[in-house]
Amino acid sequence: MTSKELLYIEDALGHEQYFQTKCKETASQLQDQNLKNCVEQMAQEHQKMFGQFYNLL
């Protein structure tokens, strides 16, 4: 793996962590259960993507 590819993966990991954190924060503030479930599902998807990127290393 080239250094440029590693930098891309590091950047992607950071983005996925950020999005997961923001989704969790947002979900905790929502009152509408359907919307809350949707945002929690988005957080899970970002966690899954983080794991997939991490496994590339």
C-alpha atoms as a PDB file:
ATOM      1  CA  MET A   1       0.000   0.000   0.000  1.00  0.00           C
ATOM      2  CA  THR A   2       1.396   3.381  -0.952  1.00  0.00           C
ATOM      3  CA  SER A   3       1.756   6.273   1.455  1.00  0.00           C
ATOM      4  CA  LYS A   4      -0.914   8.167  -0.479  1.00  0.00           C
ATOM      5  CA  GLU A   5      -3.347   5.274  -0.063  1.00  0.00           C
ATOM      6  CA  LEU A   6      -2.609   5.141   3.665  1.00  0.00           C
ATOM      7  CA  LEU A   7      -3.311   8.871   3.958  1.00  0.00           C
ATOM      8  CA  TYR A   8      -6.627   8.361   2.177  1.00  0.00           C
ATOM      9  CA  ILE A   9      -7.605   5.589   4.586  1.00  0.00           C
ATOM     10  CA  GLU A  10      -6.584   7.684   7.609  1.00  0.00           C
ATOM     11  CA  ASP A  11      -8.704  10.542   6.294  1.00  0.00           C
ATOM     12  CA  ALA A  12     -11.650   8.220   5.668  1.00  0.00           C
ATOM     13  CA  LEU A  13     -11.339   6.808   9.203  1.00  0.00           C
ATOM     14  CA  GLY A  14     -11.473  10.310  10.629  1.00  0.00           C
ATOM     15  CA  HIS A  15     -14.541  11.190   8.601  1.00  0.00           C
ATOM     16  CA  GLU A  16     -16.370   8.037   9.624  1.00  0.00           C
ATOM     17  CA  GLN A  17     -15.590   8.654  13.301  1.00  0.00           C
ATOM     18  CA  TYR A  18     -16.830  12.230  12.994  1.00  0.00           C
ATOM     19  CA  PHE A  19     -20.067  11.241  11.258  1.00  0.00           C
ATOM     20  CA  GLN A  20     -20.723   8.455  13.751  1.00  0.00           C
ATOM     21  CA  THR A  21     -20.218  10.838  16.674  1.00  0.00           C
ATOM     22  CA  LYS A  22     -22.474  13.498  15.159  1.00  0.00           C
ATOM     23  CA  CYS A  23     -25.203  10.962  14.404  1.00  0.00           C
ATOM     24  CA  LYS A  24     -25.130   9.669  17.973  1.00  0.00           C
ATOM     25  CA  GLU A  25     -25.238  13.208  19.379  1.00  0.00           C
ATOM     26  CA  THR A  26     -28.130  14.134  17.102  1.00  0.00           C
ATOM     27  CA  ALA A  27     -30.076  10.960  17.865  1.00  0.00           C
ATOM     28  CA  SER A  28     -29.814  11.612  21.588  1.00  0.00           C
ATOM     29  CA  GLN A  29     -31.515  14.986  21.097  1.00  0.00           C
ATOM     30  CA  LEU A  30     -34.379  13.831  18.881  1.00  0.00           C
ATOM     31  CA  GLN A  31     -37.894  13.330  20.231  1.00  0.00           C
ATOM     32  CA  ASP A  32     -39.456  11.754  17.127  1.00  0.00           C
ATOM     33  CA  GLN A  33     -38.806   8.011  17.485  1.00  0.00           C
ATOM     34  CA  ASN A  34     -38.879   7.283  13.743  1.00  0.00           C
ATOM     35  CA  LEU A  35     -36.341   9.989  13.016  1.00  0.00           C
ATOM     36  CA  LYS A  36     -34.243   8.933  15.997  1.00  0.00           C
ATOM     37  CA  ASN A  37     -34.181   5.329  14.712  1.00  0.00           C
ATOM     38  CA  CYS A  38     -33.126   6.536  11.276  1.00  0.00           C
ATOM     39  CA  VAL A  39     -30.238   8.593  12.653  1.00  0.00           C
ATOM     40  CA  GLU A  40     -29.158   5.744  14.953  1.00  0.00           C
ATOM     41  CA  GLN A  41     -29.101   3.460  11.918  1.00  0.00           C
ATOM     42  CA  MET A  42     -26.909   5.996  10.127  1.00  0.00           C
ATOM     43  CA  ALA A  43     -24.516   5.928  13.099  1.00  0.00           C
ATOM     44  CA  GLN A  44     -24.349   2.138  12.854  1.00  0.00           C
ATOM     45  CA  GLU A  45     -23.581   2.365   9.138  1.00  0.00           C
ATOM     46  CA  HIS A  46     -20.729   4.786   9.819  1.00  0.00           C
ATOM     47  CA  GLN A  47     -19.414   2.438  12.504  1.00  0.00           C
ATOM     48  CA  LYS A  48     -19.538  -0.402   9.979  1.00  0.00           C
ATOM     49  CA  MET A  49     -17.691   1.676   7.375  1.00  0.00           C
ATOM     50  CA  PHE A  50     -15.065   2.616   9.965  1.00  0.00           C
ATOM     51  CA  GLY A  51     -14.505  -1.072  10.665  1.00  0.00           C
ATOM     52  CA  GLN A  52     -14.165  -1.857   6.976  1.00  0.00           C
ATOM     53  CA  PHE A  53     -11.600   0.904   6.442  1.00  0.00           C
ATOM     54  CA  TYR A  54      -9.743  -0.117   9.599  1.00  0.00           C
ATOM     55  CA  ASN A  55      -9.556  -3.713   8.411  1.00  0.00           C
ATOM     56  CA  LEU A  56      -7.740  -2.542   5.290  1.00  0.00           C
ATOM     57  CA  LEU A  57      -4.825  -1.651   7.509  1.00  0.00           C
END
